[in-house]
């Protein structure tokens, strides 16, 4: 059984989940490495929450595998000590205090009262620990959810929309907390709709659309420039660029005459066009970001998968 952060890689292989005839998740494969924060992105209905639930053993896959340290969640020897999860911040008994909620959770995991006090301080709820949860704001509930996920100090942390309800100071605090986990060699997987925040926070990003993988790579590569090129024969130019480019070359069709090229410089594209006798009417280097990449990969198909 996995017993250390370094062994707790999160991976999905050919993961598929169908509800009826339509797949919510469709042959999905990616890996989340320890020691970094991975963002998990996609439009509403793309299959993100279904994927996370399969990782946590809450939904059974139709096909494929969702693994933590090489094991299914239900096969882990002590899953609550291996994986912390924040999926929703509303699964609290309104009549319990925040501290009592953690004590109830800790009872089955061997966590001491001292650890409860420690984690309440870490999430900024020491002063509110004895208040009933019914009086908590959404941001306070979110902090309590984070406390529950981290109570056993697990080497894997999975969060779905963890910044929901947090004010700017709370988001800053959460960013520090997640980075501290990754710096300790832990595995952190975060799903969020806040693209600008994700670009600042994560080391790598997995983007899915309609249940399928559309991007898996380092976030610093997203900040690389792209080239927007308009020509009299976009198809021929695309073929010429692809024949010359390496494995990092990616081309998007903007319209019938315009391409956006990633991984090849404007100078190289100009030389290739000249060599092929293709008239180019526009050749512009553009800076890109996560938001632009996200919408370029997901805007074509807006119908939700589930």
Protein backbone atom coordinates (compact mmCIF):
# COMPACT_ATOMS: atom_id res chain seq x y z
CA UNK A 1 0.00 0.00 0.00
CA UNK A 2 1.17 3.57 -0.64
CA UNK A 3 2.56 5.13 2.51
CA UNK A 4 4.39 8.32 1.58
CA UNK A 5 3.68 11.49 -0.43
CA UNK A 6 6.13 10.44 -3.13
CA UNK A 7 4.09 7.31 -3.83
CA UNK A 8 0.77 9.14 -4.09
CA UNK A 9 0.49 9.94 -7.75
CA UNK A 10 -3.11 10.43 -8.87
CA UNK A 11 -3.90 8.91 -12.24
CA UNK A 12 -6.86 8.04 -14.43
CA UNK A 13 -6.60 5.61 -17.33
CA UNK A 14 -9.29 5.31 -20.00
CA UNK A 15 -11.80 6.55 -17.44
CA UNK A 16 -15.38 6.47 -18.70
CA UNK A 17 -18.72 7.04 -17.04
CA UNK A 18 -22.03 6.80 -18.85
CA UNK A 19 -25.39 7.86 -17.48
CA UNK A 20 -27.80 6.29 -19.92
CA UNK A 21 -26.46 6.44 -23.47
CA UNK A 22 -24.35 9.58 -23.11
CA UNK A 23 -20.88 9.66 -21.56
CA UNK A 24 -20.26 12.16 -18.76
CA UNK A 25 -16.58 11.15 -18.87
CA UNK A 26 -15.22 9.66 -22.08
CA UNK A 27 -11.94 7.66 -22.19
CA UNK A 28 -10.12 10.16 -19.98
CA UNK A 29 -6.41 9.69 -19.20
CA UNK A 30 -4.11 12.02 -17.24
CA UNK A 31 -1.68 12.01 -14.29
CA UNK A 32 -1.31 14.35 -11.31
CA UNK A 33 2.24 14.32 -9.97
CA UNK A 34 3.28 14.85 -6.33
CA UNK A 35 5.06 18.06 -5.44
CA UNK A 36 2.94 20.38 -7.57
CA UNK A 37 -0.53 21.88 -7.87
CA UNK A 38 -2.56 20.67 -10.83
CA UNK A 39 -5.60 22.61 -12.04
CA UNK A 40 -8.57 20.63 -13.35
CA UNK A 41 -10.67 22.78 -15.65
CA UNK A 42 -13.63 22.52 -17.99
CA UNK A 43 -16.99 24.16 -18.74
CA UNK A 44 -20.07 23.36 -16.69
CA UNK A 45 -21.11 19.81 -17.50
CA UNK A 46 -17.67 18.84 -18.81
CA UNK A 47 -17.40 15.92 -16.37
CA UNK A 48 -15.04 17.40 -13.74
CA UNK A 49 -17.11 16.61 -10.65
CA UNK A 50 -17.97 13.14 -11.97
CA UNK A 51 -14.23 12.48 -12.44
CA UNK A 52 -13.42 13.64 -8.92
CA UNK A 53 -16.21 11.48 -7.50
CA UNK A 54 -14.83 8.45 -9.31
CA UNK A 55 -11.39 9.16 -7.83
CA UNK A 56 -12.96 9.22 -4.38
CA UNK A 57 -14.97 6.04 -4.85
CA UNK A 58 -18.33 7.85 -4.79
CA UNK A 59 -19.19 6.93 -8.39
CA UNK A 60 -18.32 3.63 -10.04
CA UNK A 61 -16.69 3.97 -13.49
CA UNK A 62 -18.31 2.37 -16.52
CA UNK A 63 -14.80 1.61 -17.79
CA UNK A 64 -11.19 2.46 -17.00
CA UNK A 65 -9.58 3.20 -13.64
CA UNK A 66 -9.20 6.12 -11.24
CA UNK A 67 -6.20 5.51 -8.99
CA UNK A 68 -4.44 7.07 -6.01
CA UNK A 69 -0.93 5.75 -5.48
CA UNK A 70 -1.78 2.94 -7.91
CA UNK A 71 -4.89 1.83 -5.98
CA UNK A 72 -8.59 2.50 -6.20
CA UNK A 73 -9.80 4.64 -3.30
CA UNK A 74 -11.80 1.76 -1.80
CA UNK A 75 -8.69 -0.47 -1.87
CA UNK A 76 -6.50 1.92 0.13
CA UNK A 77 -5.60 0.60 3.56
CA UNK A 78 -6.47 3.87 5.33
CA UNK A 79 -8.12 6.16 2.77
CA UNK A 80 -8.92 8.95 5.24
CA UNK A 81 -5.20 9.19 6.05
CA UNK A 82 -4.17 9.13 2.40
CA UNK A 83 -6.67 11.49 0.77
CA UNK A 84 -8.33 14.72 1.88
CA UNK A 85 -11.23 15.98 -0.20
CA UNK A 86 -13.28 19.16 -0.39
CA UNK A 87 -16.20 18.68 -2.78
CA UNK A 88 -18.96 20.70 -1.13
CA UNK A 89 -18.99 23.07 1.82
CA UNK A 90 -22.53 22.28 2.95
CA UNK A 91 -22.30 18.79 4.48
CA UNK A 92 -22.32 20.06 8.06
CA UNK A 93 -24.87 19.56 10.84
CA UNK A 94 -26.20 23.08 11.48
CA UNK A 95 -26.59 22.44 15.20
CA UNK A 96 -22.98 21.41 15.76
CA UNK A 97 -20.12 23.76 16.36
CA UNK A 98 -17.19 23.78 13.98
CA UNK A 99 -15.05 22.07 16.59
CA UNK A 100 -17.66 19.39 17.24
CA UNK A 101 -17.90 18.69 13.52
CA UNK A 102 -14.16 18.02 13.42
CA UNK A 103 -14.31 15.93 16.61
CA UNK A 104 -17.02 13.74 15.05
CA UNK A 105 -14.89 13.25 11.95
CA UNK A 106 -11.75 12.65 14.02
CA UNK A 107 -13.37 9.93 16.13
CA UNK A 108 -12.95 7.31 13.42
CA UNK A 109 -9.50 8.39 12.30
CA UNK A 110 -7.50 8.48 15.54
CA UNK A 111 -6.90 12.23 15.37
CA UNK A 112 -6.27 13.94 18.73
CA UNK A 113 -7.99 17.02 20.12
CA UNK A 114 -4.63 18.76 19.86
CA UNK A 115 -4.62 18.22 16.11
CA UNK A 116 -8.18 19.61 15.92
CA UNK A 117 -7.07 22.81 17.67
CA UNK A 118 -4.03 22.99 15.40
CA UNK A 119 -6.05 22.72 12.20
CA UNK A 120 -8.70 25.19 13.43
CA UNK A 121 -5.92 27.72 13.93
CA UNK A 122 -4.43 26.91 10.52
CA UNK A 123 -7.72 27.67 8.74
CA UNK A 124 -8.49 30.76 10.82
CA UNK A 125 -11.49 29.39 12.73
CA UNK A 126 -10.18 29.36 16.30
CA UNK A 127 -12.44 32.21 17.40
CA UNK A 128 -15.49 30.68 15.70
CA UNK A 129 -14.76 27.07 16.73
CA UNK A 130 -17.56 26.91 19.32
CA UNK A 131 -20.18 28.68 17.21
CA UNK A 132 -22.92 26.64 15.56
CA UNK A 133 -22.27 26.03 11.87
CA UNK A 134 -25.72 27.44 11.05
CA UNK A 135 -24.25 30.86 11.82
CA UNK A 136 -21.21 30.43 9.58
CA UNK A 137 -20.84 32.43 6.39
CA UNK A 138 -20.15 30.57 3.15
CA UNK A 139 -16.48 31.49 3.46
CA UNK A 140 -16.32 30.11 7.01
CA UNK A 141 -17.98 26.89 5.86
CA UNK A 142 -15.38 26.65 3.13
CA UNK A 143 -12.60 27.01 5.70
CA UNK A 144 -14.24 24.29 7.81
CA UNK A 145 -14.36 22.06 4.74
CA UNK A 146 -10.64 22.63 4.20
CA UNK A 147 -10.04 21.81 7.88
CA UNK A 148 -11.92 18.52 7.48
CA UNK A 149 -9.89 17.63 4.39
CA UNK A 150 -6.58 18.34 6.13
CA UNK A 151 -7.38 16.90 9.55
CA UNK A 152 -5.26 13.76 9.06
CA UNK A 153 -2.53 15.63 7.15
CA UNK A 154 -3.06 13.42 4.05
CA UNK A 155 -0.48 13.36 1.24
CA UNK A 156 -3.20 13.84 -1.41
CA UNK A 157 -5.61 16.79 -1.46
CA UNK A 158 -8.50 17.02 -3.92
CA UNK A 159 -10.56 20.23 -4.01
CA UNK A 160 -13.59 21.19 -6.08
CA UNK A 161 -14.09 24.99 -6.21
CA UNK A 162 -12.18 25.63 -2.96
CA UNK A 163 -12.31 29.44 -3.31
CA UNK A 164 -16.11 29.51 -3.42
CA UNK A 165 -17.32 32.09 -0.88
CA UNK A 166 -13.84 33.25 0.12
CA UNK A 167 -13.02 36.96 0.15
CA UNK A 168 -9.74 38.20 -1.40
CA UNK A 169 -7.84 37.64 1.85
CA UNK A 170 -9.30 34.14 2.08
CA UNK A 171 -8.24 33.36 -1.48
CA UNK A 172 -4.73 34.59 -0.69
CA UNK A 173 -4.66 32.36 2.40
CA UNK A 174 -5.86 29.33 0.43
CA UNK A 175 -3.24 29.95 -2.25
CA UNK A 176 -0.52 29.91 0.41
CA UNK A 177 -1.92 26.75 2.00
CA UNK A 178 -2.04 24.81 -1.27
CA UNK A 179 1.45 25.90 -2.23
CA UNK A 180 2.74 24.82 1.17
CA UNK A 181 1.22 21.37 0.64
CA UNK A 182 2.86 20.99 -2.75
CA UNK A 183 6.20 22.24 -1.39
CA UNK A 184 6.09 19.36 1.10
CA UNK A 185 5.85 16.89 -1.77
CA UNK A 186 2.11 16.35 -1.51
CA UNK A 187 -0.22 15.88 -4.47
CA UNK A 188 -2.76 18.69 -4.97
CA UNK A 189 -5.59 18.59 -7.53
CA UNK A 190 -7.83 21.68 -7.72
CA UNK A 191 -10.92 22.22 -9.85
CA UNK A 192 -12.05 25.84 -10.32
CA UNK A 193 -13.81 28.25 -12.68
CA UNK A 194 -11.48 31.14 -11.73
CA UNK A 195 -9.10 30.98 -14.68
CA UNK A 196 -6.98 34.00 -13.75
CA UNK A 197 -6.52 32.63 -10.23
CA UNK A 198 -5.64 29.20 -11.61
CA UNK A 199 -2.92 30.68 -13.85
CA UNK A 200 -1.30 32.23 -10.75
CA UNK A 201 -1.74 29.18 -8.55
CA UNK A 202 -1.16 25.96 -10.47
CA UNK A 203 1.96 24.35 -11.92
CA UNK A 204 0.14 22.27 -14.53
CA UNK A 205 -3.35 22.14 -15.92
CA UNK A 206 -5.72 19.48 -17.24
CA UNK A 207 -8.62 20.77 -19.35
CA UNK A 208 -11.57 18.60 -20.34
CA UNK A 209 -14.57 19.29 -22.57
CA UNK A 210 -17.60 17.04 -22.98
CA UNK A 211 -15.82 14.45 -20.85
CA UNK A 212 -12.73 14.28 -23.06
CA UNK A 213 -9.19 15.52 -22.48
CA UNK A 214 -8.35 18.59 -24.58
CA UNK A 215 -5.16 19.83 -22.85
CA UNK A 216 -2.64 18.44 -20.37
CA UNK A 217 0.54 20.41 -19.76
CA UNK A 218 2.60 22.87 -17.74
CA UNK A 219 0.93 26.18 -17.04
CA UNK A 220 4.11 28.14 -17.86
CA UNK A 221 3.89 26.81 -21.41
CA UNK A 222 0.49 28.51 -21.73
CA UNK A 223 2.15 31.88 -21.27
CA UNK A 224 4.25 31.32 -24.38
CA UNK A 225 3.50 33.43 -27.42
CA UNK A 226 1.42 32.27 -30.35
CA UNK A 227 1.37 33.57 -33.91
CA UNK A 228 -1.77 34.70 -35.72
CA UNK A 229 -1.29 34.30 -39.47
CA UNK A 230 -3.70 35.08 -42.32
CA UNK A 231 -2.96 33.75 -45.79
CA UNK A 232 -4.50 33.03 -49.18
CA UNK A 233 -4.25 29.27 -48.56
CA UNK A 234 -4.58 28.42 -44.86
CA UNK A 235 -4.75 24.67 -45.47
CA UNK A 236 -1.48 24.61 -47.39
CA UNK A 237 0.21 26.82 -44.82
CA UNK A 238 -0.97 24.58 -41.99
CA UNK A 239 0.44 21.54 -43.76
CA UNK A 240 3.78 23.29 -44.30
CA UNK A 241 4.04 24.39 -40.67
CA UNK A 242 3.10 20.97 -39.31
CA UNK A 243 5.65 19.28 -41.57
CA UNK A 244 8.39 21.55 -40.22
CA UNK A 245 7.28 21.88 -36.59
CA UNK A 246 8.07 19.55 -33.72
CA UNK A 247 5.92 17.76 -31.19
CA UNK A 248 5.09 21.05 -29.41
CA UNK A 249 3.50 22.54 -32.51
CA UNK A 250 -0.25 23.13 -32.25
CA UNK A 251 -2.44 24.97 -34.77
CA UNK A 252 -5.95 26.36 -34.28
CA UNK A 253 -8.18 27.45 -37.14
CA UNK A 254 -9.55 30.92 -36.36
CA UNK A 255 -11.52 31.17 -39.60
CA UNK A 256 -11.21 30.10 -43.26
CA UNK A 257 -8.09 32.19 -43.81
CA UNK A 258 -6.53 32.64 -40.35
CA UNK A 259 -4.55 30.26 -38.15
CA UNK A 260 -3.19 30.61 -34.64
CA UNK A 261 0.10 28.72 -34.36
CA UNK A 262 1.72 27.63 -31.08
CA UNK A 263 5.31 26.42 -30.89
CA UNK A 264 6.64 28.02 -34.11
CA UNK A 265 7.97 31.58 -34.36
CA UNK A 266 6.62 34.23 -36.72
CA UNK A 267 9.98 34.34 -38.54
CA UNK A 268 9.87 30.60 -39.20
CA UNK A 269 6.28 30.77 -40.44
CA UNK A 270 7.19 33.60 -42.79
CA UNK A 271 10.09 31.60 -44.23
CA UNK A 272 7.91 28.50 -44.66
CA UNK A 273 5.21 30.52 -46.43
CA UNK A 274 7.75 32.07 -48.77
CA UNK A 275 9.29 28.70 -49.54
CA UNK A 276 5.85 27.23 -50.31
CA UNK A 277 4.79 30.22 -52.42
CA UNK A 278 1.89 31.08 -50.07
CA UNK A 279 0.82 34.74 -49.85
CA UNK A 280 0.61 35.89 -46.20
CA UNK A 281 -1.44 39.02 -45.48
CA UNK A 282 -1.06 39.10 -41.70
CA UNK A 283 1.61 37.74 -39.37
CA UNK A 284 1.29 38.83 -35.72
CA UNK A 285 2.85 37.49 -32.53
CA UNK A 286 0.30 37.34 -29.70
CA UNK A 287 0.74 36.66 -26.00
CA UNK A 288 -1.54 33.96 -24.64
CA UNK A 289 -2.94 33.07 -21.24
CA UNK A 290 -4.93 30.32 -19.61
CA UNK A 291 -8.26 32.01 -20.31
CA UNK A 292 -7.54 32.28 -24.03
CA UNK A 293 -6.42 28.66 -24.20
CA UNK A 294 -9.45 27.49 -22.23
CA UNK A 295 -11.97 29.20 -24.51
CA UNK A 296 -10.14 28.24 -27.69
CA UNK A 297 -10.36 24.56 -26.66
CA UNK A 298 -13.88 24.53 -25.23
CA UNK A 299 -15.90 27.15 -27.12
CA UNK A 300 -16.49 24.94 -30.16
CA UNK A 301 -18.76 22.51 -28.28
CA UNK A 302 -20.97 24.07 -25.63
CA UNK A 303 -23.51 21.31 -25.13
CA UNK A 304 -22.90 19.80 -21.67
CA UNK A 305 -21.97 16.17 -21.30
CA UNK A 306 -23.84 15.61 -18.02
